[in-house]
Amino acid sequence: MAANRTVSTTRTSPKARPARAAATAEKVGAAEAQEIEATGHYVSAQMCGSEVEIVPSGAWRQSSMRKLKAGDMDGFMEDVLSPDSYDLYLELDPTNEEINAFMEEASEAAGESLGKSGGPRASSRTTRRR
C-alpha cells in the first residue's frame, strides 16, 4: 500500500497585498482598485474616426462577455473601454457596422483574433482508394 502524501498549498491572505495595491485601495476604494488592476492596460483603436482605448480581448472578464452575449452593448463597452473612451463612445453613438469595424481594429491592435478560427486543415496525406 502506497503512503499518502499531504500536499499543502500556501494561500495569500487579502492582507498580504503589496503596498502599492493597498495604497491604491485606500485612495479609490477596494472594488475600484481591483478594477484598475484588472483593466490597467489598454490598446488604442479608431472608433468613428476618434481614438479610443480598449482592454485587449484576452483580458476581458467573463462578466463582460456575458453582457456582450446578452446584448448589453453599453454595459460591455463600459467594462472594456477606458472611462474617457466610454464617455466618447456614448457621444459618438456608433452604428453596428461601426462597432464591428472598431472591434476588428481593436483585435488587430492587440495582436489577437476575435472568433476567427482557421478551422481544421486538410490532411497532407492522400488516402488510398480501394
N, C-alpha and C. Protein backbone atom coordinates (compact mmCIF):
# COMPACT_ATOMS: atom_id res chain seq x y z
N MET A 1 0.84 -1.16 0.00
CA MET A 1 0.00 0.00 0.00
C MET A 1 0.89 1.23 0.00
N ALA A 2 0.57 2.16 -0.86
CA ALA A 2 1.40 3.36 -1.00
C ALA A 2 1.11 4.33 0.14
N ALA A 3 2.14 5.03 0.51
CA ALA A 3 1.98 6.02 1.59
C ALA A 3 1.27 7.25 1.03
N ASN A 4 0.38 7.80 1.80
CA ASN A 4 -0.31 9.02 1.40
C ASN A 4 0.57 10.22 1.65
N ARG A 5 0.62 11.10 0.65
CA ARG A 5 1.39 12.32 0.82
C ARG A 5 0.43 13.48 1.00
N THR A 6 0.78 14.35 1.86
CA THR A 6 -0.03 15.54 2.08
C THR A 6 0.61 16.69 1.32
N VAL A 7 -0.17 17.31 0.48
CA VAL A 7 0.32 18.45 -0.29
C VAL A 7 -0.31 19.70 0.29
N SER A 8 0.52 20.60 0.70
CA SER A 8 -0.02 21.85 1.24
C SER A 8 0.19 22.97 0.24
N THR A 9 -0.78 23.82 0.17
CA THR A 9 -0.66 24.99 -0.69
C THR A 9 -0.72 26.22 0.18
N THR A 10 0.04 27.20 -0.20
CA THR A 10 0.04 28.44 0.56
C THR A 10 -0.93 29.40 -0.10
N ARG A 11 -1.80 29.94 0.67
CA ARG A 11 -2.74 30.92 0.15
C ARG A 11 -2.38 32.27 0.71
N THR A 12 -2.45 33.24 -0.14
CA THR A 12 -2.13 34.59 0.29
C THR A 12 -3.40 35.23 0.82
N SER A 13 -3.32 35.73 2.00
CA SER A 13 -4.49 36.39 2.58
C SER A 13 -4.67 37.75 1.94
N PRO A 14 -5.89 38.29 1.96
CA PRO A 14 -6.11 39.61 1.38
C PRO A 14 -5.25 40.69 2.04
N LYS A 15 -4.81 40.45 3.28
CA LYS A 15 -3.99 41.44 3.96
C LYS A 15 -2.55 41.42 3.47
N ALA A 16 -2.16 40.38 2.73
CA ALA A 16 -0.78 40.26 2.28
C ALA A 16 -0.57 40.87 0.90
N ARG A 17 -1.37 41.84 0.54
CA ARG A 17 -1.23 42.51 -0.76
C ARG A 17 0.02 43.38 -0.76
N PRO A 18 0.56 43.65 -1.92
CA PRO A 18 1.69 44.57 -1.99
C PRO A 18 1.27 45.96 -1.53
N ALA A 19 2.27 46.75 -1.10
CA ALA A 19 2.00 48.09 -0.57
C ALA A 19 1.32 48.98 -1.61
N ARG A 20 1.71 48.84 -2.89
CA ARG A 20 1.12 49.66 -3.94
C ARG A 20 -0.37 49.42 -4.07
N ALA A 21 -0.78 48.16 -4.04
CA ALA A 21 -2.20 47.84 -4.14
C ALA A 21 -2.96 48.36 -2.93
N ALA A 22 -2.35 48.27 -1.75
CA ALA A 22 -3.01 48.76 -0.54
C ALA A 22 -3.16 50.28 -0.59
N ALA A 23 -2.14 50.98 -1.08
CA ALA A 23 -2.23 52.43 -1.18
C ALA A 23 -3.31 52.83 -2.18
N THR A 24 -3.39 52.09 -3.29
CA THR A 24 -4.43 52.36 -4.28
C THR A 24 -5.80 52.12 -3.69
N ALA A 25 -5.94 51.04 -2.92
CA ALA A 25 -7.22 50.71 -2.31
C ALA A 25 -7.68 51.81 -1.36
N GLU A 26 -6.74 52.41 -0.64
CA GLU A 26 -7.12 53.48 0.29
C GLU A 26 -7.62 54.71 -0.45
N LYS A 27 -7.05 55.03 -1.59
CA LYS A 27 -7.42 56.23 -2.33
C LYS A 27 -8.76 56.10 -3.02
N VAL A 28 -9.03 54.96 -3.69
CA VAL A 28 -10.21 54.84 -4.52
C VAL A 28 -11.21 53.78 -4.06
N GLY A 29 -10.92 53.06 -3.04
CA GLY A 29 -11.83 52.01 -2.58
C GLY A 29 -11.38 50.66 -3.11
N ALA A 30 -11.67 49.63 -2.36
CA ALA A 30 -11.18 48.29 -2.69
C ALA A 30 -11.71 47.78 -4.02
N ALA A 31 -13.00 47.95 -4.29
CA ALA A 31 -13.58 47.44 -5.54
C ALA A 31 -12.99 48.17 -6.74
N GLU A 32 -12.87 49.47 -6.63
CA GLU A 32 -12.31 50.24 -7.75
C GLU A 32 -10.84 49.90 -7.96
N ALA A 33 -10.10 49.63 -6.89
CA ALA A 33 -8.70 49.27 -7.02
C ALA A 33 -8.54 47.96 -7.78
N GLN A 34 -9.42 46.99 -7.49
CA GLN A 34 -9.36 45.72 -8.22
C GLN A 34 -9.65 45.95 -9.69
N GLU A 35 -10.61 46.81 -9.98
CA GLU A 35 -10.94 47.08 -11.39
C GLU A 35 -9.79 47.77 -12.10
N ILE A 36 -9.12 48.69 -11.41
CA ILE A 36 -7.97 49.37 -12.00
C ILE A 36 -6.87 48.37 -12.30
N GLU A 37 -6.61 47.45 -11.36
CA GLU A 37 -5.58 46.44 -11.58
C GLU A 37 -5.96 45.53 -12.75
N ALA A 38 -7.23 45.21 -12.86
CA ALA A 38 -7.67 44.29 -13.90
C ALA A 38 -7.68 44.94 -15.27
N THR A 39 -7.98 46.22 -15.34
CA THR A 39 -8.13 46.88 -16.64
C THR A 39 -7.11 47.98 -16.83
N GLY A 40 -5.97 47.88 -16.20
CA GLY A 40 -4.98 48.94 -16.25
C GLY A 40 -4.24 49.06 -17.57
N HIS A 41 -4.35 48.12 -18.45
CA HIS A 41 -3.64 48.20 -19.73
C HIS A 41 -4.64 48.29 -20.87
N TYR A 42 -4.36 49.18 -21.80
CA TYR A 42 -5.25 49.42 -22.94
C TYR A 42 -4.45 49.41 -24.23
N VAL A 43 -5.15 49.17 -25.32
CA VAL A 43 -4.61 49.38 -26.66
C VAL A 43 -5.50 50.43 -27.32
N SER A 44 -4.94 51.15 -28.27
CA SER A 44 -5.69 52.20 -28.94
C SER A 44 -6.27 51.68 -30.25
N ALA A 45 -7.46 52.16 -30.58
CA ALA A 45 -8.12 51.81 -31.83
C ALA A 45 -9.02 52.98 -32.23
N GLN A 46 -9.40 53.02 -33.49
CA GLN A 46 -10.25 54.08 -34.01
C GLN A 46 -11.72 53.66 -33.97
N MET A 47 -12.56 54.55 -33.44
CA MET A 47 -14.00 54.35 -33.46
C MET A 47 -14.60 55.60 -34.08
N CYS A 48 -15.20 55.47 -35.24
CA CYS A 48 -15.84 56.59 -35.93
C CYS A 48 -14.87 57.75 -36.12
N GLY A 49 -13.61 57.45 -36.40
CA GLY A 49 -12.62 58.49 -36.64
C GLY A 49 -11.98 59.06 -35.39
N SER A 50 -12.36 58.59 -34.22
CA SER A 50 -11.79 59.06 -32.97
C SER A 50 -11.02 57.93 -32.31
N GLU A 51 -9.92 58.28 -31.65
CA GLU A 51 -9.11 57.26 -30.98
C GLU A 51 -9.67 56.97 -29.60
N VAL A 52 -9.87 55.68 -29.32
CA VAL A 52 -10.34 55.23 -28.00
C VAL A 52 -9.40 54.16 -27.48
N GLU A 53 -9.43 53.95 -26.18
CA GLU A 53 -8.59 52.93 -25.54
C GLU A 53 -9.47 51.78 -25.07
N ILE A 54 -9.05 50.55 -25.40
CA ILE A 54 -9.81 49.36 -25.05
C ILE A 54 -8.87 48.32 -24.44
N VAL A 55 -9.40 47.55 -23.51
CA VAL A 55 -8.66 46.44 -22.92
C VAL A 55 -8.50 45.37 -24.00
N PRO A 56 -7.32 44.76 -24.15
CA PRO A 56 -7.15 43.70 -25.13
C PRO A 56 -8.15 42.55 -24.88
N SER A 57 -8.64 41.94 -25.94
CA SER A 57 -9.70 40.94 -25.81
C SER A 57 -9.32 39.76 -24.93
N GLY A 58 -8.06 39.43 -24.85
CA GLY A 58 -7.64 38.33 -23.99
C GLY A 58 -7.81 38.63 -22.50
N ALA A 59 -7.96 39.90 -22.15
CA ALA A 59 -8.10 40.30 -20.75
C ALA A 59 -9.54 40.63 -20.38
N TRP A 60 -10.50 40.40 -21.30
CA TRP A 60 -11.90 40.68 -20.99
C TRP A 60 -12.38 39.70 -19.94
N ARG A 61 -13.11 40.19 -18.98
CA ARG A 61 -13.67 39.35 -17.93
C ARG A 61 -14.88 38.58 -18.45
N GLN A 62 -15.17 37.46 -17.83
CA GLN A 62 -16.32 36.66 -18.25
C GLN A 62 -17.63 37.40 -18.01
N SER A 63 -17.69 38.22 -16.99
CA SER A 63 -18.90 39.01 -16.75
C SER A 63 -19.13 39.98 -17.91
N SER A 64 -18.05 40.51 -18.47
CA SER A 64 -18.18 41.40 -19.63
C SER A 64 -18.67 40.61 -20.86
N MET A 65 -18.16 39.40 -21.02
CA MET A 65 -18.59 38.57 -22.14
C MET A 65 -20.07 38.21 -22.02
N ARG A 66 -20.54 37.97 -20.79
CA ARG A 66 -21.97 37.68 -20.60
C ARG A 66 -22.82 38.89 -21.00
N LYS A 67 -22.35 40.09 -20.69
CA LYS A 67 -23.07 41.30 -21.10
C LYS A 67 -23.13 41.38 -22.62
N LEU A 68 -22.03 41.09 -23.28
CA LEU A 68 -21.99 41.14 -24.74
C LEU A 68 -22.94 40.11 -25.33
N LYS A 69 -22.92 38.89 -24.82
CA LYS A 69 -23.80 37.84 -25.33
C LYS A 69 -25.27 38.14 -25.07
N ALA A 70 -25.55 38.85 -23.98
CA ALA A 70 -26.93 39.21 -23.65
C ALA A 70 -27.40 40.44 -24.43
N GLY A 71 -26.51 41.05 -25.18
CA GLY A 71 -26.88 42.21 -25.99
C GLY A 71 -26.77 43.54 -25.25
N ASP A 72 -26.15 43.54 -24.07
CA ASP A 72 -25.96 44.78 -23.30
C ASP A 72 -24.67 45.44 -23.78
N MET A 73 -24.73 46.08 -24.96
CA MET A 73 -23.54 46.66 -25.56
C MET A 73 -22.99 47.81 -24.72
N ASP A 74 -23.87 48.64 -24.16
CA ASP A 74 -23.40 49.76 -23.34
C ASP A 74 -22.67 49.24 -22.09
N GLY A 75 -23.21 48.23 -21.44
CA GLY A 75 -22.56 47.65 -20.26
C GLY A 75 -21.24 47.01 -20.62
N PHE A 76 -21.20 46.32 -21.75
CA PHE A 76 -19.97 45.69 -22.22
C PHE A 76 -18.91 46.75 -22.50
N MET A 77 -19.29 47.80 -23.22
CA MET A 77 -18.33 48.85 -23.57
C MET A 77 -17.84 49.58 -22.32
N GLU A 78 -18.71 49.72 -21.34
CA GLU A 78 -18.28 50.36 -20.09
C GLU A 78 -17.21 49.52 -19.41
N ASP A 79 -17.31 48.20 -19.52
CA ASP A 79 -16.33 47.31 -18.91
C ASP A 79 -14.99 47.31 -19.64
N VAL A 80 -14.99 47.37 -20.97
CA VAL A 80 -13.75 47.18 -21.72
C VAL A 80 -13.09 48.46 -22.20
N LEU A 81 -13.80 49.58 -22.19
CA LEU A 81 -13.20 50.85 -22.60
C LEU A 81 -12.68 51.60 -21.38
N SER A 82 -11.69 52.46 -21.60
CA SER A 82 -11.25 53.33 -20.51
C SER A 82 -12.39 54.29 -20.19
N PRO A 83 -12.44 54.87 -18.99
CA PRO A 83 -13.54 55.76 -18.65
C PRO A 83 -13.74 56.92 -19.63
N ASP A 84 -12.66 57.55 -20.06
CA ASP A 84 -12.78 58.65 -21.03
C ASP A 84 -13.29 58.14 -22.38
N SER A 85 -12.82 56.97 -22.77
CA SER A 85 -13.25 56.39 -24.05
C SER A 85 -14.72 55.98 -24.00
N TYR A 86 -15.19 55.53 -22.83
CA TYR A 86 -16.59 55.16 -22.70
C TYR A 86 -17.48 56.40 -22.88
N ASP A 87 -17.07 57.52 -22.29
CA ASP A 87 -17.83 58.76 -22.48
C ASP A 87 -17.86 59.16 -23.95
N LEU A 88 -16.74 58.99 -24.64
CA LEU A 88 -16.69 59.29 -26.07
C LEU A 88 -17.58 58.34 -26.86
N TYR A 89 -17.60 57.08 -26.48
CA TYR A 89 -18.47 56.09 -27.13
C TYR A 89 -19.93 56.52 -27.02
N LEU A 90 -20.33 56.98 -25.84
CA LEU A 90 -21.72 57.44 -25.67
C LEU A 90 -22.01 58.65 -26.54
N GLU A 91 -21.04 59.55 -26.68
CA GLU A 91 -21.22 60.73 -27.54
C GLU A 91 -21.33 60.34 -29.01
N LEU A 92 -20.48 59.42 -29.43
CA LEU A 92 -20.43 59.03 -30.85
C LEU A 92 -21.67 58.25 -31.26
N ASP A 93 -22.23 57.46 -30.36
CA ASP A 93 -23.40 56.62 -30.63
C ASP A 93 -23.23 55.86 -31.96
N PRO A 94 -22.22 54.96 -32.02
CA PRO A 94 -21.90 54.29 -33.28
C PRO A 94 -22.97 53.28 -33.72
N THR A 95 -22.99 53.03 -35.03
CA THR A 95 -23.88 52.02 -35.60
C THR A 95 -23.25 50.63 -35.40
N ASN A 96 -24.01 49.59 -35.70
CA ASN A 96 -23.48 48.23 -35.59
C ASN A 96 -22.29 48.02 -36.53
N GLU A 97 -22.36 48.57 -37.74
CA GLU A 97 -21.24 48.43 -38.67
C GLU A 97 -19.99 49.11 -38.14
N GLU A 98 -20.16 50.28 -37.52
CA GLU A 98 -19.02 51.00 -36.97
C GLU A 98 -18.44 50.23 -35.77
N ILE A 99 -19.30 49.61 -34.98
CA ILE A 99 -18.83 48.79 -33.85
C ILE A 99 -18.04 47.60 -34.37
N ASN A 100 -18.55 46.93 -35.41
CA ASN A 100 -17.84 45.78 -35.98
C ASN A 100 -16.47 46.18 -36.48
N ALA A 101 -16.38 47.30 -37.20
CA ALA A 101 -15.10 47.78 -37.70
C ALA A 101 -14.16 48.11 -36.55
N PHE A 102 -14.69 48.71 -35.50
CA PHE A 102 -13.89 49.05 -34.33
C PHE A 102 -13.35 47.79 -33.66
N MET A 103 -14.20 46.78 -33.49
CA MET A 103 -13.78 45.55 -32.82
C MET A 103 -12.68 44.84 -33.63
N GLU A 104 -12.80 44.86 -34.94
CA GLU A 104 -11.76 44.26 -35.78
C GLU A 104 -10.43 45.00 -35.60
N GLU A 105 -10.49 46.33 -35.62
CA GLU A 105 -9.26 47.11 -35.46
C GLU A 105 -8.67 46.93 -34.07
N ALA A 106 -9.53 46.88 -33.05
CA ALA A 106 -9.05 46.70 -31.68
C ALA A 106 -8.37 45.34 -31.53
N SER A 107 -8.91 44.31 -32.15
CA SER A 107 -8.29 42.98 -32.03
C SER A 107 -6.96 42.94 -32.77
N GLU A 108 -6.86 43.64 -33.89
CA GLU A 108 -5.59 43.71 -34.61
C GLU A 108 -4.55 44.48 -33.79
N ALA A 109 -4.98 45.56 -33.13
CA ALA A 109 -4.07 46.36 -32.32
C ALA A 109 -3.52 45.54 -31.16
N ALA A 110 -4.33 44.63 -30.63
CA ALA A 110 -3.90 43.79 -29.52
C ALA A 110 -3.14 42.57 -30.01
N GLY A 111 -3.11 42.36 -31.32
CA GLY A 111 -2.43 41.19 -31.87
C GLY A 111 -3.20 39.91 -31.67
N GLU A 112 -4.52 40.03 -31.53
CA GLU A 112 -5.36 38.86 -31.28
C GLU A 112 -6.45 38.80 -32.33
N SER A 113 -7.08 37.66 -32.41
CA SER A 113 -8.17 37.46 -33.35
C SER A 113 -9.45 37.20 -32.58
N LEU A 114 -10.54 37.84 -32.99
CA LEU A 114 -11.82 37.63 -32.33
C LEU A 114 -12.66 36.62 -33.09
N GLY A 115 -12.66 35.39 -32.66
CA GLY A 115 -13.54 34.38 -33.23
C GLY A 115 -13.27 33.97 -34.65
N LYS A 116 -12.07 34.16 -35.13
CA LYS A 116 -11.77 33.75 -36.49
C LYS A 116 -10.83 32.56 -36.46
N SER A 117 -11.41 31.43 -36.26
CA SER A 117 -10.63 30.21 -36.21
C SER A 117 -10.35 29.74 -37.63
N GLY A 118 -9.15 29.27 -37.85
CA GLY A 118 -8.80 28.77 -39.17
C GLY A 118 -9.48 27.45 -39.48
N GLY A 119 -9.99 26.78 -38.46
CA GLY A 119 -10.65 25.51 -38.68
C GLY A 119 -9.65 24.41 -38.93
N PRO A 120 -10.13 23.20 -39.08
CA PRO A 120 -9.21 22.09 -39.32
C PRO A 120 -8.61 22.15 -40.72
N ARG A 121 -7.38 21.78 -40.81
CA ARG A 121 -6.67 21.78 -42.09
C ARG A 121 -6.86 20.41 -42.77
N ALA A 122 -6.80 20.44 -44.08
CA ALA A 122 -6.88 19.20 -44.84
C ALA A 122 -5.61 18.39 -44.58
N SER A 123 -5.75 17.09 -44.57
CA SER A 123 -4.61 16.23 -44.33
C SER A 123 -3.63 16.31 -45.49
N SER A 124 -2.36 16.26 -45.17
CA SER A 124 -1.36 16.27 -46.23
C SER A 124 -1.18 14.88 -46.84
N ARG A 125 -1.71 13.88 -46.18
CA ARG A 125 -1.65 12.50 -46.69
C ARG A 125 -2.79 12.25 -47.66
N THR A 126 -2.50 11.52 -48.65
CA THR A 126 -3.57 11.11 -49.56
C THR A 126 -4.14 9.78 -49.08
N THR A 127 -5.39 9.57 -49.32
CA THR A 127 -5.99 8.31 -48.92
C THR A 127 -6.04 7.37 -50.11
N ARG A 128 -5.86 6.15 -49.84
CA ARG A 128 -5.84 5.14 -50.91
C ARG A 128 -7.25 4.67 -51.18
N ARG A 129 -7.61 4.67 -52.43
CA ARG A 129 -8.92 4.16 -52.81
C ARG A 129 -8.86 2.68 -53.06
N ARG A 130 -9.92 2.00 -52.75
CA ARG A 130 -9.95 0.53 -52.96
C ARG A 130 -10.69 0.19 -54.21
